[in-house]
Protein backbone atom coordinates (compact mmCIF):
# COMPACT_ATOMS: atom_id res chain seq x y z
CA MET A 1 143.07 -35.89 58.83
CA HIS A 2 141.06 -38.87 60.00
CA SER A 3 141.04 -40.25 63.49
CA CYS A 4 140.99 -43.92 62.65
CA SER A 5 143.90 -45.89 64.05
CA GLY A 6 146.09 -48.26 62.05
CA SER A 7 143.74 -51.20 62.58
CA LEU A 8 140.69 -52.35 64.47
CA GLN A 9 142.61 -54.56 66.85
CA ASN A 10 142.23 -52.18 69.80
CA ARG A 11 138.55 -51.46 69.24
CA ASN A 12 135.74 -52.95 71.27
CA TYR A 13 134.43 -54.87 68.31
CA PRO A 14 130.90 -56.33 68.59
CA SER A 15 130.08 -59.91 67.67
CA GLN A 16 128.10 -60.86 64.59
CA GLU A 17 125.14 -61.74 66.82
CA GLU A 18 125.20 -58.34 68.51
CA LEU A 19 125.28 -56.57 65.15
CA ILE A 20 122.35 -58.63 63.89
CA LYS A 21 120.36 -57.67 66.99
CA VAL A 22 121.08 -53.99 66.35
CA VAL A 23 119.85 -54.08 62.75
CA ASP A 24 116.87 -56.27 63.64
CA VAL A 25 115.73 -53.74 66.26
CA GLU A 26 116.17 -50.91 63.77
CA GLU A 27 114.24 -52.82 61.11
CA GLN A 28 111.42 -53.50 63.56
CA GLN A 29 111.23 -49.81 64.36
CA LEU A 30 111.23 -49.04 60.64
CA GLU A 31 108.36 -51.44 59.99
CA GLU A 32 106.32 -50.03 62.87
CA SER A 33 106.73 -46.54 61.42
CA GLY A 34 104.78 -47.50 58.30
CA PRO A 35 104.91 -49.50 55.04
CA HIS A 36 108.24 -49.60 53.30
CA ASP A 37 108.99 -50.27 49.66
CA LEU A 38 112.05 -52.50 49.24
CA THR A 39 112.64 -51.33 45.69
CA GLU A 40 113.29 -47.84 47.02
CA THR A 41 116.05 -48.95 49.39
CA SER A 42 118.24 -51.75 48.14
CA TYR A 43 118.18 -54.98 46.21
CA LEU A 44 119.23 -58.44 47.26
CA PRO A 45 121.12 -60.11 44.43
CA ARG A 46 122.31 -63.66 44.60
CA GLN A 47 125.68 -63.79 46.29
CA ASP A 48 128.23 -64.58 43.59
CA LEU A 49 130.55 -66.49 45.92
CA GLU A 50 133.59 -64.52 44.82
CA GLY A 51 136.27 -64.61 47.45
CA THR A 52 136.80 -66.48 50.68
CA PRO A 53 136.44 -65.66 54.36
CA TYR A 54 139.73 -67.36 55.13
CA LEU A 55 142.42 -64.74 54.57
CA GLU A 56 145.26 -66.63 56.20
CA SER A 57 145.52 -68.89 53.14
CA GLY A 58 147.28 -66.24 51.05
CA ILE A 59 145.87 -67.86 47.90
CA SER A 60 144.67 -65.41 45.29
CA LEU A 61 141.72 -65.64 42.94
CA PHE A 62 144.06 -66.48 40.11
CA SER A 63 145.49 -69.71 41.46
CA ASP A 64 144.85 -72.98 39.64
CA ASP A 65 141.48 -74.26 40.74
CA PRO A 66 140.53 -77.68 39.32
CA GLU A 67 136.89 -76.99 40.06
CA SER A 68 136.78 -73.73 38.12
CA ASP A 69 134.87 -73.87 34.88
CA PRO A 70 136.40 -71.47 32.34
CA SER A 71 133.27 -71.81 30.21
CA GLU A 72 131.38 -69.78 32.81
CA ASP A 73 133.91 -66.95 32.67
CA ARG A 74 131.96 -64.64 30.42
CA ALA A 75 130.50 -61.19 30.81
CA PRO A 76 126.70 -61.03 30.66
CA GLU A 77 124.78 -58.77 28.32
CA SER A 78 124.52 -55.10 29.22
CA ALA A 79 121.74 -53.88 31.49
CA ARG A 80 121.29 -50.57 33.21
CA VAL A 81 121.28 -50.34 36.98
CA GLY A 82 117.74 -50.09 38.26
CA ASN A 83 116.19 -52.41 35.68
CA ILE A 84 114.44 -55.22 37.53
CA PRO A 85 114.02 -58.39 35.46
CA SER A 86 110.52 -59.80 35.04
CA SER A 87 111.73 -63.18 36.21
CA THR A 88 112.23 -63.67 39.94
CA SER A 89 114.86 -66.34 39.49
CA ALA A 90 118.35 -65.62 40.72
CA LEU A 91 121.07 -64.60 38.28
CA LYS A 92 123.59 -67.11 37.04
CA VAL A 93 126.90 -65.26 37.38
CA PRO A 94 130.50 -66.42 37.09
CA GLN A 95 131.40 -68.02 40.40
CA LEU A 96 134.98 -66.82 40.72
CA LYS A 97 136.66 -68.41 43.71
CA VAL A 98 139.72 -67.51 45.74
CA ALA A 99 140.58 -70.32 48.13
CA GLU A 100 137.13 -71.73 48.76
CA SER A 101 135.95 -74.82 46.89
CA ALA A 102 132.47 -75.20 45.46
CA GLN A 103 131.69 -77.44 48.43
CA GLY A 104 132.36 -74.71 50.98
CA PRO A 105 129.73 -73.03 53.17
CA ALA A 106 129.24 -70.14 50.77
CA ALA A 107 128.31 -72.54 47.99
CA ALA A 108 125.52 -73.93 50.12
CA HIS A 109 124.14 -70.42 50.39
CA THR A 110 123.38 -70.34 46.67
CA THR A 111 120.03 -72.03 47.15
CA ASP A 112 119.29 -69.96 50.25
CA THR A 113 119.31 -66.69 48.32
CA ALA A 114 117.92 -68.01 45.05
CA GLY A 115 114.36 -67.19 46.10
CA TYR A 116 115.02 -63.46 46.24
CA ASN A 117 114.46 -61.15 43.32
CA ALA A 118 117.76 -60.38 41.62
CA MET A 119 118.78 -57.38 39.59
CA GLU A 120 120.34 -58.04 36.23
CA GLU A 121 123.65 -56.25 36.21
CA SER A 122 126.47 -56.19 33.74
CA VAL A 123 130.06 -55.22 33.39
CA SER A 124 129.93 -51.97 31.47
CA ARG A 125 132.83 -51.00 29.26
CA GLU A 126 132.23 -47.29 29.64
CA LYS A 127 134.19 -44.99 31.91
CA PRO A 128 132.71 -45.31 35.42
CA GLU A 129 131.31 -42.33 37.23
CA LEU A 130 133.26 -41.56 40.38
CA THR A 131 131.66 -40.71 43.70
CA ALA A 132 133.17 -39.15 46.81
CA SER A 133 131.60 -39.50 50.24
CA THR A 134 130.64 -35.83 50.18
CA GLU A 135 128.43 -36.38 47.12
CA ARG A 136 126.01 -38.82 48.75
CA VAL A 137 123.18 -36.30 48.80
CA ASN A 138 123.34 -35.80 45.03
CA LYS A 139 124.25 -39.31 43.86
CA ARG A 140 122.80 -42.64 44.93
CA MET A 141 125.30 -45.06 46.37
CA SER A 142 125.66 -48.46 44.71
CA MET A 143 127.61 -51.26 46.33
CA VAL A 144 129.05 -54.72 45.58
CA VAL A 145 130.68 -57.14 48.01
CA SER A 146 133.52 -59.63 47.67
CA GLY A 147 134.71 -62.48 49.86
CA LEU A 148 131.95 -62.41 52.48
CA THR A 149 130.23 -65.31 54.19
CA PRO A 150 126.45 -65.65 53.77
CA GLU A 151 125.89 -64.21 57.26
CA GLU A 152 128.13 -61.20 56.52
CA PHE A 153 126.40 -60.70 53.20
CA MET A 154 123.00 -60.52 54.88
CA LEU A 155 124.33 -57.95 57.33
CA VAL A 156 125.53 -55.81 54.41
CA TYR A 157 122.11 -56.18 52.82
CA LYS A 158 120.39 -54.86 55.94
CA PHE A 159 122.92 -52.02 56.15
CA ALA A 160 122.23 -51.15 52.51
CA ARG A 161 118.49 -51.23 53.08
CA LYS A 162 118.72 -48.85 56.05
CA HIS A 163 120.88 -46.33 54.19
CA HIS A 164 119.07 -46.54 50.83
CA ILE A 165 122.07 -48.08 49.05
CA THR A 166 121.66 -50.19 45.93
CA LEU A 167 123.30 -53.61 46.37
CA THR A 168 124.21 -55.40 43.15
CA ASN A 169 126.03 -58.48 41.90
CA LEU A 170 128.53 -57.01 39.47
CA ILE A 171 130.46 -53.78 39.15
CA THR A 172 128.98 -51.30 36.69
CA GLU A 173 129.63 -47.68 35.86
CA GLU A 174 127.15 -46.75 38.62
CA THR A 175 129.01 -48.69 41.34
CA THR A 176 130.43 -46.41 44.02
CA HIS A 177 131.66 -48.87 46.68
CA VAL A 178 133.34 -52.29 46.72
CA VAL A 179 133.12 -53.92 50.16
CA MET A 180 135.95 -56.43 50.69
CA LYS A 181 136.52 -59.05 53.36
CA THR A 182 139.73 -57.96 55.10
CA ASP A 183 141.74 -58.61 58.21
CA ALA A 184 141.92 -56.04 61.01
CA GLU A 185 144.56 -54.06 59.13
CA PHE A 186 142.39 -53.75 56.01
CA VAL A 187 144.36 -56.25 53.94
CA CYS A 188 142.38 -58.42 51.51
CA GLU A 189 142.64 -61.16 48.93
CA ARG A 190 142.88 -60.13 45.27
CA THR A 191 139.56 -60.74 43.50
CA LEU A 192 138.03 -59.60 40.24
CA LYS A 193 135.92 -56.98 42.01
CA TYR A 194 139.01 -55.75 43.85
CA PHE A 195 140.84 -55.13 40.56
CA LEU A 196 137.84 -53.56 38.80
CA GLY A 197 137.10 -51.40 41.82
CA ILE A 198 140.64 -50.02 41.84
CA ALA A 199 140.73 -49.60 38.06
CA GLY A 200 137.46 -47.67 38.15
CA GLY A 201 138.49 -45.43 41.03
CA LYS A 202 135.75 -46.77 43.32
CA TRP A 203 135.77 -46.75 47.08
CA VAL A 204 137.35 -50.12 47.95
CA VAL A 205 136.59 -50.51 51.64
CA SER A 206 136.74 -53.13 54.35
CA TYR A 207 133.68 -54.99 55.58
CA PHE A 208 134.52 -53.36 58.93
CA TRP A 209 133.12 -50.14 57.46
CA VAL A 210 129.71 -51.80 57.51
CA THR A 211 129.99 -53.40 60.95
CA GLN A 212 131.42 -50.32 62.68
CA SER A 213 128.76 -48.14 61.06
CA ILE A 214 126.09 -50.49 62.42
CA LYS A 215 127.70 -50.41 65.86
CA GLU A 216 127.81 -46.60 65.94
CA ARG A 217 124.35 -46.32 64.32
CA LYS A 218 125.53 -43.98 61.57
CA MET A 219 127.38 -44.23 58.27
CA LEU A 220 131.05 -43.68 59.01
CA ASN A 221 133.57 -42.02 56.73
CA GLU A 222 134.99 -44.39 54.11
CA HIS A 223 138.47 -42.88 54.42
CA ASP A 224 138.91 -44.65 57.74
CA PHE A 225 138.17 -48.08 56.25
CA GLU A 226 139.77 -47.97 52.80
CA VAL A 227 141.61 -51.17 51.87
CA ARG A 228 145.34 -50.61 52.28
CA GLY A 229 146.87 -53.65 50.64
CA ASP A 230 146.51 -57.29 49.66
CA VAL A 231 148.16 -60.63 50.35
CA VAL A 232 150.06 -60.61 47.04
CA ASN A 233 151.34 -57.08 46.41
CA GLY A 234 151.93 -55.96 49.99
CA ARG A 235 149.97 -55.04 53.08
CA ASN A 236 150.20 -51.26 52.81
CA HIS A 237 150.66 -50.25 49.18
CA GLN A 238 147.63 -47.92 49.22
CA GLY A 239 146.65 -48.85 45.66
CA PRO A 240 142.91 -48.22 46.10
CA LYS A 241 143.49 -44.74 47.54
CA ARG A 242 146.06 -43.91 44.85
CA ALA A 243 143.62 -44.95 42.13
CA ARG A 244 140.71 -43.05 43.62
CA GLU A 245 142.75 -39.86 43.85
CA SER A 246 144.46 -40.24 40.44
CA GLN A 247 141.65 -40.82 37.96
CA ASP A 248 142.93 -37.88 35.93
CA ARG A 249 146.30 -39.66 35.60
CA LYS A 250 145.52 -43.08 34.13
CA ILE A 251 148.37 -45.57 34.56
CA PHE A 252 147.99 -47.15 31.08
CA ARG A 253 147.49 -43.94 29.10
CA GLY A 254 149.36 -44.02 25.79
CA LEU A 255 149.36 -47.84 25.68
CA GLU A 256 147.66 -50.10 23.16
CA ILE A 257 147.01 -53.54 24.66
CA CYS A 258 145.97 -56.83 23.10
CA CYS A 259 144.81 -59.51 25.56
CA TYR A 260 145.79 -62.50 23.45
CA GLY A 261 144.96 -66.17 23.77
CA PRO A 262 143.14 -68.03 26.52
CA PHE A 263 142.76 -66.77 30.09
CA THR A 264 141.49 -68.65 33.13
CA ASN A 265 139.47 -67.44 36.12
CA MET A 266 138.87 -64.07 34.46
CA PRO A 267 136.78 -63.35 31.35
CA THR A 268 138.82 -61.71 28.60
CA ASP A 269 136.12 -59.03 28.26
CA GLN A 270 136.62 -57.99 31.87
CA LEU A 271 140.42 -58.00 31.58
CA GLU A 272 140.05 -55.73 28.54
CA TRP A 273 137.62 -53.49 30.42
CA MET A 274 140.08 -53.29 33.29
CA VAL A 275 142.91 -51.97 31.12
CA GLN A 276 140.52 -49.57 29.40
CA LEU A 277 139.51 -48.15 32.78
CA CYS A 278 143.21 -47.54 33.35
CA GLY A 279 143.52 -45.52 30.14
CA ALA A 280 144.70 -48.09 27.58
CA SER A 281 143.29 -48.64 24.10
CA VAL A 282 142.32 -52.25 23.40
CA VAL A 283 142.88 -54.10 20.14
CA LYS A 284 141.34 -57.50 19.47
CA GLU A 285 143.91 -58.86 17.01
CA LEU A 286 147.70 -58.69 16.77
CA SER A 287 147.37 -57.29 13.28
CA SER A 288 145.32 -54.35 14.56
CA PHE A 289 148.11 -52.49 16.37
CA THR A 290 148.53 -48.94 15.06
CA LEU A 291 152.32 -49.01 14.92
CA GLY A 292 154.20 -45.77 14.42
CA THR A 293 151.43 -43.55 15.79
CA GLY A 294 153.05 -42.63 19.10
CA VAL A 295 151.27 -45.29 21.16
CA HIS A 296 153.11 -48.18 22.76
CA PRO A 297 151.76 -51.66 21.87
CA ILE A 298 151.81 -54.48 24.43
CA VAL A 299 150.57 -58.08 24.20
CA VAL A 300 149.25 -59.66 27.40
CA VAL A 301 149.08 -63.45 27.74
CA GLN A 302 148.61 -66.08 30.44
CA PRO A 303 151.22 -68.76 29.68
CA ASP A 304 149.79 -71.45 31.97
CA ALA A 305 146.44 -71.27 30.15
CA TRP A 306 147.94 -72.31 26.81
CA THR A 307 147.51 -75.96 25.79
CA GLU A 308 150.50 -75.69 23.43
CA ASP A 309 153.53 -75.29 25.66
CA ASN A 310 155.48 -72.88 23.48
CA GLY A 311 152.75 -71.22 21.43
CA PHE A 312 153.03 -67.92 23.26
CA HIS A 313 156.78 -67.80 22.58
CA ALA A 314 156.13 -67.22 18.88
CA ILE A 315 153.80 -64.24 19.24
CA GLY A 316 156.72 -61.92 18.57
CA GLN A 317 156.91 -63.36 15.07
CA MET A 318 153.48 -61.97 14.24
CA CYS A 319 154.12 -58.51 15.63
CA GLU A 320 157.23 -56.85 16.95
CA THR A 321 155.69 -56.01 20.29
CA PRO A 322 156.64 -56.71 23.95
CA VAL A 323 154.80 -59.78 25.25
CA VAL A 324 154.13 -59.86 29.01
CA THR A 325 152.26 -62.06 31.44
CA ARG A 326 148.86 -61.10 32.81
CA GLU A 327 150.49 -60.47 36.18
CA TRP A 328 151.88 -57.23 34.75
CA VAL A 329 148.31 -55.96 34.40
CA LEU A 330 147.16 -57.27 37.77
CA ASP A 331 150.16 -55.97 39.73
CA SER A 332 149.97 -52.59 38.00
CA VAL A 333 146.27 -52.24 38.76
CA ALA A 334 146.53 -53.42 42.38
CA LEU A 335 149.31 -50.91 43.09
CA TYR A 336 147.88 -48.39 40.63
CA GLN A 337 151.38 -47.86 39.31
CA CYS A 338 152.42 -49.01 35.86
CA GLN A 339 155.07 -51.65 36.48
CA GLU A 340 158.25 -51.96 34.43
CA LEU A 341 157.85 -54.57 31.70
CA ASP A 342 161.22 -56.27 32.25
CA THR A 343 160.08 -58.48 35.13
CA TYR A 344 157.07 -59.75 33.18
CA LEU A 345 158.52 -60.15 29.66
CA ILE A 346 158.14 -63.53 27.94
CA PRO A 347 161.17 -64.47 25.80
CA GLN A 348 160.30 -64.72 22.13
CA ILE A 349 161.70 -67.16 19.56
CA PRO A 350 164.09 -65.35 17.16
CA HIS A 351 163.07 -65.14 13.50
CA SER A 352 165.85 -67.51 12.43
CA HIS A 353 164.43 -70.27 14.68
CA TYR A 354 160.81 -69.87 13.68
């Protein structure tokens, strides 16, 4: 059992300035103790601006954002963690937003961090390696953040440096922790990293894990800071914990999924990787389903991304397969429970009307 209370509301929580003073003093002591090699502690990638610090909005990553550029929604080429690019320029990564426009304060931080060396990371399509807190001695921790302000991001960087944690831009198979901006009850917005973290069985923890660890001058147990819910699927559904403890029981096992047609705010490659992490097989074309082999085929679409109003209604004519909205995937992953298809089914045009 863990001693953490239901939220941080009753804690004597330090201010951002106080936390910065603590880490600055510790860094000064570290520097006085001798030379220190940054590449042996952590890396400072460019902040990818995913997420927003304003949780009261209740707007998810997947709302319609007129400033989003779907052309940037693509997965970069593969690169192993630990490979430092020869160029010192910052990475150009998909800037997936939740409720913060490109003109917000986080956007201004892009140029502030561009001078730092960045690690080239990628979204791997292999099964991620899972790490429990008790395995820290044997496996290096690797962390990504989502939804933080520039100031909060820098605090995480200093925390990572002190504890020899690799800090990267994108989730990979080596990622062990996803640090989310949450409210005091560990409720967050839904972001791409949130979904991939759950799907991969990572530790999905609140930013308060970092700040409280700094306050108490030691790395606290992640169990006490695990994200409990989100603003869309409920405040206490325990999806991240359920996923982390159920990696031997994949929610999409036995399913064959085709992510068909255009998608916005999320690269198709990453949506496909997400369902693969949850145990599904992915097919690229409707004609590629292996019907009659004991697997259950499903087509996933995003209706509001189609330029032709009714194009997705005729998919059933090309394959006799249930067609559901992308929300079926996202809700299932967030809760880490495969949702019934009925709520998400898209009516198909009968053969006689096609």
